[in-house]
Amino acid sequence: MHTSNTNTKTNLQAAIDADRGVGNRITLGDCLKDKPSKSVWHCTLDGEDVILKYYSGLGAFSQVEEESFLVRNIADILGSDTPARGPKLLLSRPDLGFYCLEKCPGISGDALLIPDEDPLPFLVPRAALWLGVLVKKTSKTNMITSNYWRDVMSAQTHFELVNDTAQQLYDAILQKALIHLQGAAGLVTKSVIHGDFHLGNLLISQDYIYGIDFQAKNIGIVVRDVAHFLIKTNAKCQTAGTIFGFDESVIAPFRSILPEGELDRLLPVFLGVELLNSFKNDRRWTPRTVQRRNDLAERYITC
């Protein structure tokens, strides 16, 4: 264990033990994820194996409050009547910077991806099933105003890119998205969405699909979550095709969760938006991931 992990574990365990409400109830185990202001731990709560998410620094209290609400809300919405599930919130202590949720069965969808090969045939349909249940239980259909589109596209302002080639690609994506925007008018399905929907945030087993690490605080446009999923999937494996740059097999499962024609009408715009957003990651993405994104961008521009 790294020194930073050891220090975090020691300090957090001491704070837990000193608290009258949770002292002697929680024992921290291995660290699963460690970032400067966030860590995820195996632990036991009243003798049961659970997951603990801990935040430190400014904003930790509100972060724990917000995420606890999202976890509870998604679990309540999804319920237990379908394979699509959300982990149950077991304990929330914003004042101590952490919350605990149940340890879910399954394997991360990312772990089931084979780099540079097609996704396993069941993966994308399972992801679409999970999102489809969430959409079915919370969706509403309405118009989105021209102000929305203006705000979305104006948010794609230029920022400092790593080189001229990236800038040219960025500009070409933006122009293509604006062309697709002309055909995007019409009814739009909104629902509770994930907010960071990708295979790494799904735990998949034979019987269940659990969504984890929710980011969306409000309802959102479903197709945007789908576009984000496709961009993230392309970053890890083979998805190339002629449908907006993707193979039909990774798009088709999502058509059935939306009204007829909606995915094909809106996806070209939101793929462009998500591609543009992805350039913000270039400095932390591997060269191979950047190249996969660039290859997709070229397909998107020419489709």
Protein backbone atom coordinates (compact mmCIF):
# COMPACT_ATOMS: atom_id res chain seq x y z
CA MET A 1 0.00 0.00 0.00
CA HIS A 2 1.30 3.45 -0.89
CA THR A 3 2.20 5.81 1.93
CA SER A 4 -0.67 8.15 1.01
CA ASN A 5 -3.12 5.23 1.21
CA THR A 6 -1.71 4.19 4.57
CA ASN A 7 -2.02 7.71 5.97
CA THR A 8 -5.57 8.08 4.66
CA LYS A 9 -6.57 4.72 6.08
CA THR A 10 -5.01 5.47 9.47
CA ASN A 11 -6.61 8.89 9.76
CA LEU A 12 -10.02 7.78 8.52
CA GLN A 13 -10.11 4.72 10.76
CA ALA A 14 -9.17 6.92 13.73
CA ALA A 15 -11.99 9.35 12.93
CA ILE A 16 -14.46 6.47 12.62
CA ASP A 17 -13.34 4.86 15.88
CA ALA A 18 -13.67 8.18 17.72
CA ASP A 19 -17.25 8.73 16.56
CA ARG A 20 -20.00 7.59 18.91
CA GLY A 21 -22.32 6.69 16.04
CA VAL A 22 -20.05 4.46 13.95
CA GLY A 23 -17.15 3.63 16.26
CA ASN A 24 -16.54 -0.14 16.42
CA ARG A 25 -18.96 -0.72 13.53
CA ILE A 26 -16.60 -0.11 10.58
CA THR A 27 -13.22 -1.66 9.82
CA LEU A 28 -11.41 -0.48 6.71
CA GLY A 29 -9.85 -3.06 4.40
CA ASP A 30 -8.06 -2.74 1.07
CA CYS A 31 -8.06 0.45 -0.98
CA LEU A 32 -9.76 -0.05 -4.36
CA LYS A 33 -9.21 3.43 -5.81
CA ASP A 34 -7.09 6.32 -4.63
CA LYS A 35 -7.20 9.88 -5.95
CA PRO A 36 -6.05 13.13 -4.32
CA SER A 37 -9.41 13.92 -2.71
CA LYS A 38 -11.28 10.64 -3.12
CA SER A 39 -10.71 7.02 -2.19
CA VAL A 40 -12.78 3.84 -2.33
CA TRP A 41 -12.34 1.04 0.20
CA HIS A 42 -13.40 -2.46 1.00
CA CYS A 43 -14.60 -2.48 4.58
CA THR A 44 -16.87 -4.28 7.00
CA LEU A 45 -19.96 -2.61 8.45
CA ASP A 46 -21.48 -4.51 11.35
CA GLY A 47 -19.62 -7.58 10.12
CA GLU A 48 -20.85 -7.36 6.51
CA ASP A 49 -18.55 -6.74 3.53
CA VAL A 50 -19.43 -3.36 1.98
CA ILE A 51 -17.90 -0.54 -0.06
CA LEU A 52 -16.94 2.79 1.52
CA LYS A 53 -16.38 5.97 -0.52
CA TYR A 54 -14.42 8.70 1.20
CA TYR A 55 -13.90 12.35 0.27
CA SER A 56 -11.51 14.83 1.83
CA GLY A 57 -10.95 18.55 1.54
CA LEU A 58 -13.31 21.38 0.70
CA GLY A 59 -16.64 20.22 -0.62
CA ALA A 60 -16.44 16.75 0.93
CA PHE A 61 -19.63 17.24 2.96
CA SER A 62 -21.74 18.30 -0.03
CA GLN A 63 -20.17 15.63 -2.27
CA VAL A 64 -21.15 12.88 0.14
CA GLU A 65 -24.64 14.34 0.52
CA GLU A 66 -25.16 14.54 -3.24
CA GLU A 67 -23.80 11.09 -4.04
CA SER A 68 -25.73 9.50 -1.17
CA PHE A 69 -28.92 10.98 -2.58
CA LEU A 70 -28.12 9.69 -6.07
CA VAL A 71 -27.32 6.18 -4.83
CA ARG A 72 -30.52 6.00 -2.79
CA ASN A 73 -32.62 7.49 -5.58
CA ILE A 74 -31.37 5.17 -8.33
CA ALA A 75 -31.72 2.08 -6.14
CA ASP A 76 -35.29 3.06 -5.27
CA ILE A 77 -36.20 3.75 -8.90
CA LEU A 78 -34.74 0.53 -10.28
CA GLY A 79 -36.07 -1.62 -7.46
CA SER A 80 -35.64 -5.38 -7.62
CA ASP A 81 -38.18 -6.45 -10.26
CA THR A 82 -35.70 -6.52 -13.18
CA PRO A 83 -32.02 -7.46 -13.63
CA ALA A 84 -31.14 -3.72 -13.66
CA ARG A 85 -30.16 -2.65 -10.16
CA GLY A 86 -28.47 0.06 -8.16
CA PRO A 87 -26.47 -0.58 -4.98
CA LYS A 88 -28.28 0.10 -1.71
CA LEU A 89 -27.10 2.97 0.44
CA LEU A 90 -26.28 1.55 3.87
CA LEU A 91 -24.85 4.50 5.76
CA SER A 92 -24.10 8.14 5.00
CA ARG A 93 -21.91 10.38 7.15
CA PRO A 94 -21.23 13.65 5.34
CA ASP A 95 -19.70 15.08 8.51
CA LEU A 96 -17.00 12.39 8.34
CA GLY A 97 -16.70 12.54 4.56
CA PHE A 98 -17.91 9.05 3.66
CA TYR A 99 -20.81 6.82 2.82
CA CYS A 100 -21.20 3.04 2.63
CA LEU A 101 -23.07 1.04 0.02
CA GLU A 102 -23.64 -2.62 -0.57
CA LYS A 103 -20.98 -4.68 -2.30
CA CYS A 104 -22.59 -5.70 -5.58
CA PRO A 105 -22.02 -8.94 -7.47
CA GLY A 106 -20.49 -8.87 -10.92
CA ILE A 107 -17.45 -7.83 -12.91
CA SER A 108 -16.75 -4.36 -14.25
CA GLY A 109 -17.78 -4.17 -17.88
CA ASP A 110 -14.39 -2.61 -18.70
CA ALA A 111 -12.68 -5.75 -17.41
CA LEU A 112 -14.62 -7.76 -19.99
CA LEU A 113 -13.38 -5.66 -22.91
CA ILE A 114 -10.51 -7.02 -24.98
CA PRO A 115 -8.38 -4.14 -26.32
CA ASP A 116 -8.75 -3.56 -30.06
CA GLU A 117 -11.29 -6.38 -30.47
CA ASP A 118 -15.07 -6.28 -30.83
CA PRO A 119 -17.01 -6.09 -27.54
CA LEU A 120 -18.28 -9.46 -26.36
CA PRO A 121 -21.76 -9.93 -27.90
CA PHE A 122 -23.66 -9.65 -24.62
CA LEU A 123 -21.97 -6.51 -23.26
CA VAL A 124 -23.69 -3.67 -25.11
CA PRO A 125 -27.16 -5.28 -24.90
CA ARG A 126 -26.72 -5.65 -21.13
CA ALA A 127 -25.74 -2.00 -20.85
CA ALA A 128 -28.75 -0.98 -22.95
CA LEU A 129 -31.00 -3.12 -20.76
CA TRP A 130 -29.83 -1.28 -17.63
CA LEU A 131 -30.34 2.16 -19.15
CA GLY A 132 -33.62 1.08 -20.71
CA VAL A 133 -35.13 0.14 -17.35
CA LEU A 134 -34.13 3.51 -15.91
CA VAL A 135 -35.65 5.28 -18.91
CA LYS A 136 -38.86 3.24 -18.77
CA LYS A 137 -39.42 4.06 -15.12
CA THR A 138 -38.63 7.80 -15.24
CA SER A 139 -38.94 9.09 -18.80
CA LYS A 140 -40.95 11.96 -20.17
CA THR A 141 -41.01 13.33 -23.70
CA ASN A 142 -40.91 17.00 -24.57
CA MET A 143 -39.43 19.57 -26.89
CA ILE A 144 -36.06 21.14 -26.26
CA THR A 145 -35.77 24.78 -27.15
CA SER A 146 -33.36 26.47 -29.49
CA ASN A 147 -31.79 28.02 -26.39
CA TYR A 148 -30.75 24.55 -25.25
CA TRP A 149 -28.99 23.79 -28.52
CA ARG A 150 -27.36 27.21 -28.51
CA ASP A 151 -26.04 26.64 -24.99
CA VAL A 152 -24.79 23.14 -25.84
CA MET A 153 -22.90 24.25 -28.91
CA SER A 154 -21.58 27.49 -27.42
CA ALA A 155 -20.12 25.43 -24.57
CA GLN A 156 -17.80 23.83 -27.11
CA THR A 157 -15.52 26.83 -27.11
CA HIS A 158 -11.94 26.52 -28.17
CA PHE A 159 -9.37 25.73 -25.55
CA GLU A 160 -5.67 25.10 -25.81
CA LEU A 161 -5.19 21.87 -27.71
CA VAL A 162 -2.02 19.83 -27.75
CA ASN A 163 -1.14 20.52 -31.40
CA ASP A 164 -2.40 21.92 -34.70
CA THR A 165 -3.58 18.50 -35.89
CA ALA A 166 -5.84 18.18 -32.86
CA GLN A 167 -7.16 21.70 -33.44
CA GLN A 168 -8.03 20.93 -37.05
CA LEU A 169 -9.80 17.74 -36.04
CA TYR A 170 -11.70 19.57 -33.30
CA ASP A 171 -12.86 22.27 -35.72
CA ALA A 172 -13.99 19.67 -38.27
CA ILE A 173 -16.02 17.79 -35.63
CA LEU A 174 -17.68 21.03 -34.55
CA GLN A 175 -18.67 21.88 -38.11
CA LYS A 176 -20.07 18.39 -38.67
CA ALA A 177 -22.08 18.54 -35.43
CA LEU A 178 -23.56 21.88 -36.49
CA ILE A 179 -24.63 20.34 -39.79
CA HIS A 180 -26.29 17.43 -37.96
CA LEU A 181 -27.98 19.92 -35.63
CA GLN A 182 -30.15 21.06 -38.52
CA GLY A 183 -31.94 17.71 -38.48
CA ALA A 184 -32.28 17.35 -34.71
CA ALA A 185 -35.58 19.18 -34.19
CA GLY A 186 -38.41 17.20 -32.64
CA LEU A 187 -39.50 15.48 -29.46
CA VAL A 188 -36.80 14.37 -27.06
CA THR A 189 -36.90 11.73 -24.32
CA LYS A 190 -35.59 12.85 -20.95
CA SER A 191 -35.24 10.69 -17.86
CA VAL A 192 -33.11 10.12 -14.84
CA ILE A 193 -29.76 9.24 -16.41
CA HIS A 194 -26.42 7.99 -15.17
CA GLY A 195 -24.28 11.00 -16.05
CA ASP A 196 -21.10 8.97 -16.67
CA PHE A 197 -22.55 5.96 -18.44
CA HIS A 198 -19.91 3.50 -19.61
CA LEU A 199 -19.01 -0.14 -19.12
CA GLY A 200 -16.59 0.67 -16.31
CA ASN A 201 -19.55 1.92 -14.27
CA LEU A 202 -21.54 -1.27 -14.74
CA LEU A 203 -21.03 -4.45 -12.73
CA ILE A 204 -22.25 -7.36 -14.82
CA SER A 205 -23.08 -10.86 -13.62
CA GLN A 206 -25.13 -13.69 -15.05
CA ASP A 207 -28.29 -12.47 -13.33
CA TYR A 208 -27.87 -8.74 -12.71
CA ILE A 209 -26.45 -5.47 -13.99
CA TYR A 210 -25.58 -2.91 -11.33
CA GLY A 211 -24.91 0.72 -12.18
CA ILE A 212 -22.40 2.52 -9.95
CA ASP A 213 -20.75 5.96 -9.61
CA PHE A 214 -23.70 8.07 -10.71
CA GLN A 215 -23.02 11.67 -11.71
CA ALA A 216 -26.28 13.17 -12.98
CA LYS A 217 -28.12 15.26 -10.39
CA ASN A 218 -31.22 15.87 -12.51
CA ILE A 219 -33.05 14.37 -15.43
CA GLY A 220 -31.23 14.57 -18.73
CA ILE A 221 -31.45 13.70 -22.40
CA VAL A 222 -31.10 9.95 -22.78
CA VAL A 223 -29.30 10.07 -26.13
CA ARG A 224 -26.49 12.09 -24.58
CA ASP A 225 -25.83 9.27 -22.09
CA VAL A 226 -25.80 6.84 -25.03
CA ALA A 227 -23.33 9.00 -26.95
CA HIS A 228 -21.05 9.16 -23.91
CA PHE A 229 -21.23 5.37 -23.60
CA LEU A 230 -20.27 4.88 -27.24
CA ILE A 231 -17.29 7.26 -27.04
CA LYS A 232 -16.00 5.53 -23.90
CA THR A 233 -16.48 2.07 -25.41
CA ASN A 234 -14.59 3.10 -28.53
CA ALA A 235 -11.69 4.22 -26.32
CA LYS A 236 -11.16 0.62 -25.23
CA CYS A 237 -12.14 -1.67 -28.08
CA GLN A 238 -13.12 -2.07 -31.73
CA THR A 239 -16.37 -0.32 -32.68
CA ALA A 240 -15.68 0.90 -36.23
CA GLY A 241 -18.51 1.01 -38.72
CA THR A 242 -20.51 3.22 -41.03
CA ILE A 243 -23.33 4.31 -38.68
CA PHE A 244 -22.01 7.70 -37.52
CA GLY A 245 -18.61 5.99 -37.34
CA PHE A 246 -19.82 2.99 -35.33
CA ASP A 247 -20.75 -0.56 -36.14
CA GLU A 248 -24.48 -1.20 -36.11
CA SER A 249 -24.06 -3.85 -33.41
CA VAL A 250 -23.11 -1.28 -30.75
CA ILE A 251 -25.91 1.14 -31.66
CA ALA A 252 -28.86 -1.17 -32.31
CA PRO A 253 -29.47 -2.24 -28.67
CA PHE A 254 -30.19 1.38 -27.69
CA ARG A 255 -32.81 1.99 -30.39
CA SER A 256 -35.38 -0.11 -28.56
CA ILE A 257 -35.25 2.00 -25.38
CA LEU A 258 -36.37 5.17 -27.21
CA PRO A 259 -39.24 6.14 -29.51
CA GLU A 260 -38.73 5.12 -33.12
CA GLY A 261 -36.27 7.33 -34.97
CA GLU A 262 -35.15 9.38 -31.97
CA LEU A 263 -31.73 7.79 -31.54
CA ASP A 264 -30.78 8.20 -35.20
CA ARG A 265 -32.03 11.80 -35.22
CA LEU A 266 -30.18 12.98 -32.12
CA LEU A 267 -27.15 10.71 -31.89
CA PRO A 268 -25.11 12.49 -34.61
CA VAL A 269 -25.31 15.76 -32.68
CA PHE A 270 -24.47 14.32 -29.28
CA LEU A 271 -21.67 12.16 -30.64
CA GLY A 272 -20.15 15.37 -31.93
CA VAL A 273 -20.59 17.08 -28.57
CA GLU A 274 -19.08 14.15 -26.66
CA LEU A 275 -16.19 13.89 -29.12
CA LEU A 276 -15.46 17.58 -28.59
CA ASN A 277 -15.59 17.13 -24.82
CA SER A 278 -13.17 14.23 -25.07
CA PHE A 279 -10.35 16.54 -26.17
CA LYS A 280 -10.20 17.80 -22.58
CA ASN A 281 -8.84 14.36 -21.64
CA ASP A 282 -5.94 14.29 -24.11
CA ARG A 283 -3.27 15.13 -21.55
CA ARG A 284 -4.24 12.23 -19.30
CA TRP A 285 -5.26 9.69 -21.94
CA THR A 286 -2.74 7.22 -23.31
CA PRO A 287 -1.50 7.79 -26.87
CA ARG A 288 -3.41 4.68 -27.96
CA THR A 289 -6.67 5.99 -26.50
CA VAL A 290 -6.18 9.36 -28.18
CA GLN A 291 -5.52 7.61 -31.49
CA ARG A 292 -8.69 5.55 -31.12
CA ARG A 293 -10.65 8.74 -30.49
CA ASN A 294 -9.04 10.43 -33.49
CA ASP A 295 -9.86 7.46 -35.72
CA LEU A 296 -13.48 7.66 -34.58
CA ALA A 297 -13.50 11.41 -35.20
CA GLU A 298 -12.33 10.85 -38.78
CA ARG A 299 -15.12 8.33 -39.32
CA TYR A 300 -17.65 10.70 -37.78
CA ILE A 301 -16.56 13.58 -40.01
CA THR A 302 -16.79 11.53 -43.20
CA CYS A 303 -19.96 9.54 -42.47
